[in-house]
């Protein structure tokens, strides 16, 4: 398993168990390696933990840069959610649901997405 995969998985699991300080500590301990691997997933996880703990590493600028530079809608959705721009997140989620309604099950498991980011009819989505 690569360091990038390990850190993405580890930080995600820590977020699910609401161990936000452990995510921050892990990020601090491996800052140099994390900078080198450039993972949007890990960065979103760290930013979410930092926001939850009101840690100084939370950066709206970092999240806005991710929105501007990422080619992945999922990264933009999470960044919009962390910036409390739920309408922008909702717009992208609707676009993704049109392509694959089953994504509701994936997105509902993501700690970085608030309930206000989901379209009102998302729960009624049927998957064949």
N, C-alpha and C. Protein backbone atom coordinates (compact mmCIF):
# COMPACT_ATOMS: atom_id res chain seq x y z
N UNK A 1 0.86 -1.17 0.00
CA UNK A 1 0.00 0.00 0.00
C UNK A 1 0.91 1.24 0.00
N UNK A 2 0.59 2.18 -0.84
CA UNK A 2 1.39 3.40 -0.91
C UNK A 2 1.07 4.31 0.28
N UNK A 3 1.99 5.22 0.54
CA UNK A 3 1.79 6.18 1.62
C UNK A 3 0.52 7.00 1.38
N UNK A 4 0.32 7.40 0.15
CA UNK A 4 -0.85 8.22 -0.22
C UNK A 4 -2.15 7.46 0.07
N UNK A 5 -2.22 6.21 -0.32
CA UNK A 5 -3.41 5.39 -0.07
C UNK A 5 -3.61 5.17 1.42
N UNK A 6 -2.51 4.89 2.11
CA UNK A 6 -2.58 4.68 3.55
C UNK A 6 -3.13 5.91 4.26
N UNK A 7 -2.59 7.08 3.93
CA UNK A 7 -3.01 8.32 4.60
C UNK A 7 -4.46 8.68 4.26
N UNK A 8 -4.85 8.47 3.03
CA UNK A 8 -6.24 8.76 2.65
C UNK A 8 -7.19 7.87 3.44
N UNK A 9 -6.87 6.59 3.53
CA UNK A 9 -7.71 5.64 4.27
C UNK A 9 -7.70 5.92 5.77
N UNK A 10 -6.52 6.15 6.31
CA UNK A 10 -6.37 6.39 7.75
C UNK A 10 -7.12 7.65 8.18
N UNK A 11 -6.94 8.74 7.45
CA UNK A 11 -7.62 9.99 7.82
C UNK A 11 -9.13 9.85 7.66
N UNK A 12 -9.59 9.15 6.65
CA UNK A 12 -11.02 8.93 6.45
C UNK A 12 -11.61 8.15 7.62
N UNK A 13 -10.95 7.08 8.02
CA UNK A 13 -11.44 6.27 9.15
C UNK A 13 -11.43 7.08 10.45
N UNK A 14 -10.43 7.91 10.64
CA UNK A 14 -10.39 8.76 11.83
C UNK A 14 -11.54 9.76 11.82
N UNK A 15 -11.88 10.27 10.65
CA UNK A 15 -13.01 11.21 10.56
C UNK A 15 -14.33 10.50 10.89
N UNK A 16 -14.48 9.28 10.41
CA UNK A 16 -15.70 8.53 10.70
C UNK A 16 -15.89 8.29 12.19
N UNK A 17 -14.78 8.15 12.91
CA UNK A 17 -14.85 7.93 14.36
C UNK A 17 -14.72 9.25 15.13
N UNK A 18 -14.76 10.34 14.41
CA UNK A 18 -14.71 11.70 14.98
C UNK A 18 -13.43 11.95 15.79
N UNK A 19 -12.34 11.37 15.36
CA UNK A 19 -11.03 11.57 15.98
C UNK A 19 -10.29 12.68 15.23
N UNK A 20 -10.86 13.86 15.26
CA UNK A 20 -10.35 14.98 14.47
C UNK A 20 -8.94 15.40 14.89
N UNK A 21 -8.66 15.40 16.17
CA UNK A 21 -7.32 15.78 16.63
C UNK A 21 -6.26 14.80 16.16
N UNK A 22 -6.61 13.55 16.04
CA UNK A 22 -5.65 12.56 15.55
C UNK A 22 -5.32 12.81 14.08
N UNK A 23 -6.31 13.27 13.32
CA UNK A 23 -6.06 13.61 11.92
C UNK A 23 -5.06 14.76 11.85
N UNK A 24 -5.28 15.78 12.67
CA UNK A 24 -4.38 16.94 12.70
C UNK A 24 -2.98 16.51 13.12
N UNK A 25 -2.88 15.68 14.15
CA UNK A 25 -1.57 15.20 14.62
C UNK A 25 -0.86 14.39 13.55
N UNK A 26 -1.58 13.53 12.87
CA UNK A 26 -1.02 12.72 11.80
C UNK A 26 -0.51 13.62 10.67
N UNK A 27 -1.29 14.61 10.32
CA UNK A 27 -0.90 15.54 9.26
C UNK A 27 0.34 16.34 9.65
N UNK A 28 0.42 16.75 10.89
CA UNK A 28 1.58 17.50 11.37
C UNK A 28 2.83 16.62 11.35
N UNK A 29 2.67 15.39 11.78
CA UNK A 29 3.80 14.46 11.85
C UNK A 29 4.37 14.13 10.48
N UNK A 30 3.51 14.10 9.47
CA UNK A 30 3.94 13.70 8.12
C UNK A 30 3.80 14.84 7.11
N UNK A 31 3.94 16.06 7.56
CA UNK A 31 3.72 17.24 6.71
C UNK A 31 4.56 17.22 5.43
N UNK A 32 5.82 16.89 5.54
CA UNK A 32 6.72 16.91 4.38
C UNK A 32 6.28 15.87 3.35
N UNK A 33 5.98 14.66 3.80
CA UNK A 33 5.54 13.61 2.89
C UNK A 33 4.19 13.94 2.26
N UNK A 34 3.31 14.54 3.04
CA UNK A 34 1.99 14.90 2.52
C UNK A 34 2.09 15.98 1.44
N UNK A 35 2.97 16.91 1.65
CA UNK A 35 3.15 17.96 0.65
C UNK A 35 3.65 17.37 -0.66
N UNK A 36 4.52 16.39 -0.58
CA UNK A 36 5.08 15.76 -1.77
C UNK A 36 4.06 14.91 -2.52
N UNK A 37 3.12 14.29 -1.81
CA UNK A 37 2.19 13.37 -2.49
C UNK A 37 0.99 14.10 -3.11
N UNK A 38 0.73 15.32 -2.73
CA UNK A 38 -0.32 16.15 -3.34
C UNK A 38 -1.64 15.39 -3.54
N UNK A 39 -2.28 15.02 -2.47
CA UNK A 39 -3.55 14.31 -2.54
C UNK A 39 -4.70 15.22 -2.13
N UNK A 40 -5.64 15.43 -3.04
CA UNK A 40 -6.82 16.23 -2.73
C UNK A 40 -7.66 15.57 -1.64
N UNK A 41 -7.76 14.26 -1.68
CA UNK A 41 -8.54 13.53 -0.69
C UNK A 41 -8.00 13.76 0.71
N UNK A 42 -6.70 13.61 0.86
CA UNK A 42 -6.08 13.80 2.17
C UNK A 42 -6.24 15.24 2.62
N UNK A 43 -6.07 16.18 1.69
CA UNK A 43 -6.19 17.60 2.04
C UNK A 43 -7.62 17.94 2.49
N UNK A 44 -8.62 17.39 1.82
CA UNK A 44 -10.01 17.61 2.23
C UNK A 44 -10.22 17.05 3.64
N UNK A 45 -9.71 15.86 3.89
CA UNK A 45 -9.86 15.23 5.22
C UNK A 45 -9.20 16.08 6.30
N UNK A 46 -8.01 16.59 6.01
CA UNK A 46 -7.31 17.43 6.98
C UNK A 46 -8.06 18.75 7.20
N UNK A 47 -8.54 19.34 6.14
CA UNK A 47 -9.28 20.60 6.27
C UNK A 47 -10.58 20.40 7.05
N UNK A 48 -11.24 19.28 6.84
CA UNK A 48 -12.46 18.99 7.59
C UNK A 48 -12.16 18.86 9.08
N UNK A 49 -11.12 18.10 9.41
CA UNK A 49 -10.72 17.93 10.81
C UNK A 49 -10.32 19.27 11.42
N UNK A 50 -9.60 20.07 10.67
CA UNK A 50 -9.17 21.39 11.17
C UNK A 50 -10.36 22.30 11.41
N UNK A 51 -11.35 22.23 10.53
CA UNK A 51 -12.55 23.05 10.72
C UNK A 51 -13.31 22.60 11.96
N UNK A 52 -13.44 21.29 12.13
CA UNK A 52 -14.17 20.76 13.28
C UNK A 52 -13.52 21.13 14.61
N UNK A 53 -12.19 21.19 14.62
CA UNK A 53 -11.46 21.48 15.86
C UNK A 53 -11.07 22.95 15.97
N UNK A 54 -11.44 23.73 14.95
CA UNK A 54 -11.05 25.15 14.89
C UNK A 54 -9.53 25.30 14.97
N UNK A 55 -8.84 24.39 14.31
CA UNK A 55 -7.37 24.40 14.29
C UNK A 55 -6.87 25.42 13.28
N UNK A 56 -5.69 25.94 13.54
CA UNK A 56 -5.12 26.99 12.69
C UNK A 56 -4.81 26.52 11.27
N UNK A 57 -4.76 25.22 11.03
CA UNK A 57 -4.47 24.74 9.68
C UNK A 57 -5.68 24.84 8.74
N UNK A 58 -6.86 25.12 9.30
CA UNK A 58 -8.04 25.31 8.44
C UNK A 58 -7.81 26.55 7.59
N UNK A 59 -7.99 26.40 6.28
CA UNK A 59 -7.71 27.51 5.38
C UNK A 59 -8.75 27.59 4.27
N UNK A 60 -9.51 28.66 4.28
CA UNK A 60 -10.47 28.88 3.20
C UNK A 60 -9.75 29.08 1.88
N UNK A 61 -8.57 29.66 1.93
CA UNK A 61 -7.80 29.88 0.70
C UNK A 61 -7.41 28.54 0.07
N UNK A 62 -6.98 27.61 0.90
CA UNK A 62 -6.64 26.27 0.41
C UNK A 62 -7.84 25.63 -0.26
N UNK A 63 -9.00 25.74 0.36
CA UNK A 63 -10.22 25.14 -0.20
C UNK A 63 -10.62 25.84 -1.50
N UNK A 64 -10.52 27.15 -1.55
CA UNK A 64 -10.85 27.87 -2.79
C UNK A 64 -9.88 27.51 -3.92
N UNK A 65 -8.61 27.32 -3.59
CA UNK A 65 -7.63 26.89 -4.59
C UNK A 65 -7.96 25.50 -5.10
N UNK A 66 -8.43 24.64 -4.22
CA UNK A 66 -8.81 23.29 -4.65
C UNK A 66 -9.98 23.34 -5.62
N UNK A 67 -10.93 24.22 -5.34
CA UNK A 67 -12.07 24.38 -6.24
C UNK A 67 -11.60 24.86 -7.61
N UNK A 68 -10.70 25.82 -7.61
CA UNK A 68 -10.23 26.41 -8.86
C UNK A 68 -9.33 25.46 -9.65
N UNK A 69 -8.55 24.65 -8.97
CA UNK A 69 -7.52 23.86 -9.66
C UNK A 69 -7.88 22.41 -9.91
N UNK A 70 -8.81 21.85 -9.16
CA UNK A 70 -9.11 20.43 -9.30
C UNK A 70 -10.00 20.18 -10.51
N UNK A 71 -9.73 19.07 -11.15
CA UNK A 71 -10.57 18.65 -12.27
C UNK A 71 -11.66 17.68 -11.80
N UNK A 72 -11.61 17.32 -10.53
CA UNK A 72 -12.56 16.35 -9.97
C UNK A 72 -13.73 17.05 -9.29
N UNK A 73 -14.95 16.75 -9.74
CA UNK A 73 -16.14 17.34 -9.13
C UNK A 73 -16.26 16.98 -7.65
N UNK A 74 -15.86 15.78 -7.28
CA UNK A 74 -15.97 15.35 -5.88
C UNK A 74 -15.15 16.24 -4.95
N UNK A 75 -13.98 16.64 -5.40
CA UNK A 75 -13.13 17.54 -4.60
C UNK A 75 -13.83 18.88 -4.45
N UNK A 76 -14.39 19.38 -5.54
CA UNK A 76 -15.10 20.66 -5.50
C UNK A 76 -16.32 20.59 -4.60
N UNK A 77 -17.05 19.49 -4.65
CA UNK A 77 -18.24 19.31 -3.81
C UNK A 77 -17.85 19.40 -2.33
N UNK A 78 -16.82 18.68 -1.95
CA UNK A 78 -16.38 18.69 -0.54
C UNK A 78 -15.87 20.08 -0.13
N UNK A 79 -15.10 20.71 -1.00
CA UNK A 79 -14.58 22.04 -0.69
C UNK A 79 -15.72 23.04 -0.53
N UNK A 80 -16.70 22.99 -1.42
CA UNK A 80 -17.86 23.88 -1.29
C UNK A 80 -18.58 23.63 0.03
N UNK A 81 -18.73 22.37 0.40
CA UNK A 81 -19.40 22.04 1.65
C UNK A 81 -18.63 22.62 2.84
N UNK A 82 -17.32 22.46 2.86
CA UNK A 82 -16.51 22.98 3.96
C UNK A 82 -16.52 24.50 4.02
N UNK A 83 -16.76 25.15 2.89
CA UNK A 83 -16.85 26.61 2.83
C UNK A 83 -18.28 27.10 3.09
N UNK A 84 -19.17 26.18 3.44
CA UNK A 84 -20.58 26.49 3.68
C UNK A 84 -21.27 27.06 2.45
N UNK A 85 -20.84 26.61 1.29
CA UNK A 85 -21.47 26.99 0.03
C UNK A 85 -22.30 25.80 -0.46
N UNK A 86 -23.34 25.50 0.30
CA UNK A 86 -24.11 24.29 0.03
C UNK A 86 -24.84 24.33 -1.32
N UNK A 87 -25.22 25.51 -1.78
CA UNK A 87 -25.90 25.58 -3.08
C UNK A 87 -24.98 25.15 -4.22
N UNK A 88 -23.70 25.55 -4.13
CA UNK A 88 -22.74 25.14 -5.16
C UNK A 88 -22.49 23.64 -5.09
N UNK A 89 -22.37 23.11 -3.87
CA UNK A 89 -22.19 21.67 -3.70
C UNK A 89 -23.41 20.92 -4.24
N UNK A 90 -24.58 21.42 -3.92
CA UNK A 90 -25.83 20.78 -4.36
C UNK A 90 -25.92 20.76 -5.89
N UNK A 91 -25.52 21.84 -6.52
CA UNK A 91 -25.55 21.92 -7.99
C UNK A 91 -24.67 20.83 -8.60
N UNK A 92 -23.47 20.66 -8.07
CA UNK A 92 -22.57 19.63 -8.60
C UNK A 92 -23.06 18.22 -8.29
N UNK A 93 -23.63 18.05 -7.11
CA UNK A 93 -24.16 16.73 -6.75
C UNK A 93 -25.31 16.35 -7.69
N UNK A 94 -26.19 17.30 -7.98
CA UNK A 94 -27.28 17.03 -8.92
C UNK A 94 -26.73 16.58 -10.27
N UNK A 95 -25.69 17.28 -10.73
CA UNK A 95 -25.05 16.93 -12.01
C UNK A 95 -24.50 15.51 -11.98
N UNK A 96 -23.85 15.14 -10.87
CA UNK A 96 -23.28 13.80 -10.75
C UNK A 96 -24.39 12.74 -10.65
N UNK A 97 -25.49 13.06 -9.96
CA UNK A 97 -26.60 12.11 -9.82
C UNK A 97 -27.27 11.82 -11.16
N UNK A 98 -27.29 12.80 -12.04
CA UNK A 98 -27.87 12.57 -13.37
C UNK A 98 -27.08 11.51 -14.13
N UNK A 99 -25.77 11.47 -13.90
CA UNK A 99 -24.91 10.48 -14.57
C UNK A 99 -24.97 9.13 -13.86
N UNK A 100 -25.08 9.17 -12.51
CA UNK A 100 -25.08 7.94 -11.73
C UNK A 100 -25.84 8.15 -10.42
N UNK A 101 -27.12 7.80 -10.38
CA UNK A 101 -27.92 8.00 -9.17
C UNK A 101 -27.40 7.23 -7.97
N UNK A 102 -26.65 6.17 -8.20
CA UNK A 102 -26.12 5.36 -7.11
C UNK A 102 -25.07 6.07 -6.28
N UNK A 103 -24.59 7.21 -6.76
CA UNK A 103 -23.59 7.97 -6.00
C UNK A 103 -24.12 8.46 -4.66
N UNK A 104 -25.43 8.52 -4.50
CA UNK A 104 -26.02 8.96 -3.23
C UNK A 104 -25.47 8.12 -2.08
N UNK A 105 -25.30 6.83 -2.31
CA UNK A 105 -24.82 5.93 -1.26
C UNK A 105 -23.36 6.21 -0.91
N UNK A 106 -22.58 6.58 -1.90
CA UNK A 106 -21.18 6.92 -1.69
C UNK A 106 -21.06 8.25 -0.97
N UNK A 107 -21.75 9.26 -1.47
CA UNK A 107 -21.64 10.61 -0.91
C UNK A 107 -22.18 10.70 0.52
N UNK A 108 -23.20 9.92 0.84
CA UNK A 108 -23.77 9.95 2.19
C UNK A 108 -22.78 9.48 3.25
N UNK A 109 -21.76 8.74 2.85
CA UNK A 109 -20.75 8.25 3.80
C UNK A 109 -19.61 9.24 4.00
N UNK A 110 -19.58 10.31 3.26
CA UNK A 110 -18.48 11.25 3.35
C UNK A 110 -18.70 12.26 4.47
N UNK A 111 -17.84 12.27 5.46
CA UNK A 111 -18.00 13.19 6.60
C UNK A 111 -17.98 14.67 6.19
N UNK A 112 -17.25 15.00 5.13
CA UNK A 112 -17.10 16.41 4.74
C UNK A 112 -18.37 17.00 4.12
N UNK A 113 -19.34 16.15 3.77
CA UNK A 113 -20.56 16.65 3.15
C UNK A 113 -21.67 16.80 4.18
N UNK A 114 -22.16 18.01 4.32
CA UNK A 114 -23.28 18.27 5.21
C UNK A 114 -24.60 17.88 4.56
N UNK A 115 -25.60 17.63 5.37
CA UNK A 115 -26.93 17.25 4.85
C UNK A 115 -27.51 18.33 3.95
N UNK A 116 -27.16 19.58 4.18
CA UNK A 116 -27.69 20.68 3.39
C UNK A 116 -27.14 20.70 1.97
N UNK A 117 -26.17 19.86 1.67
CA UNK A 117 -25.58 19.80 0.33
C UNK A 117 -26.35 18.88 -0.62
N UNK A 118 -27.22 18.06 -0.07
CA UNK A 118 -27.93 17.09 -0.89
C UNK A 118 -29.25 17.65 -1.40
N UNK A 119 -29.56 17.38 -2.66
CA UNK A 119 -30.85 17.81 -3.20
C UNK A 119 -31.99 17.20 -2.38
N UNK A 120 -33.10 17.90 -2.31
CA UNK A 120 -34.23 17.45 -1.50
C UNK A 120 -34.74 16.09 -1.92
N UNK A 121 -34.68 15.79 -3.20
CA UNK A 121 -35.20 14.52 -3.70
C UNK A 121 -34.14 13.42 -3.73
N UNK A 122 -32.98 13.64 -3.15
CA UNK A 122 -31.89 12.66 -3.20
C UNK A 122 -32.25 11.34 -2.53
N UNK A 123 -33.00 11.40 -1.45
CA UNK A 123 -33.38 10.18 -0.74
C UNK A 123 -34.33 9.31 -1.55
N UNK A 124 -35.05 9.91 -2.50
CA UNK A 124 -36.03 9.19 -3.29
C UNK A 124 -35.40 8.56 -4.53
N UNK A 125 -34.10 8.75 -4.68
CA UNK A 125 -33.40 8.23 -5.84
C UNK A 125 -33.46 6.72 -5.87
N UNK A 126 -33.86 6.19 -7.03
CA UNK A 126 -33.93 4.74 -7.19
C UNK A 126 -32.78 4.29 -8.07
N UNK A 127 -32.18 3.21 -7.67
CA UNK A 127 -31.07 2.64 -8.42
C UNK A 127 -31.49 1.27 -8.90
N UNK A 128 -31.29 1.01 -10.19
CA UNK A 128 -31.72 -0.27 -10.76
C UNK A 128 -30.92 -1.42 -10.21
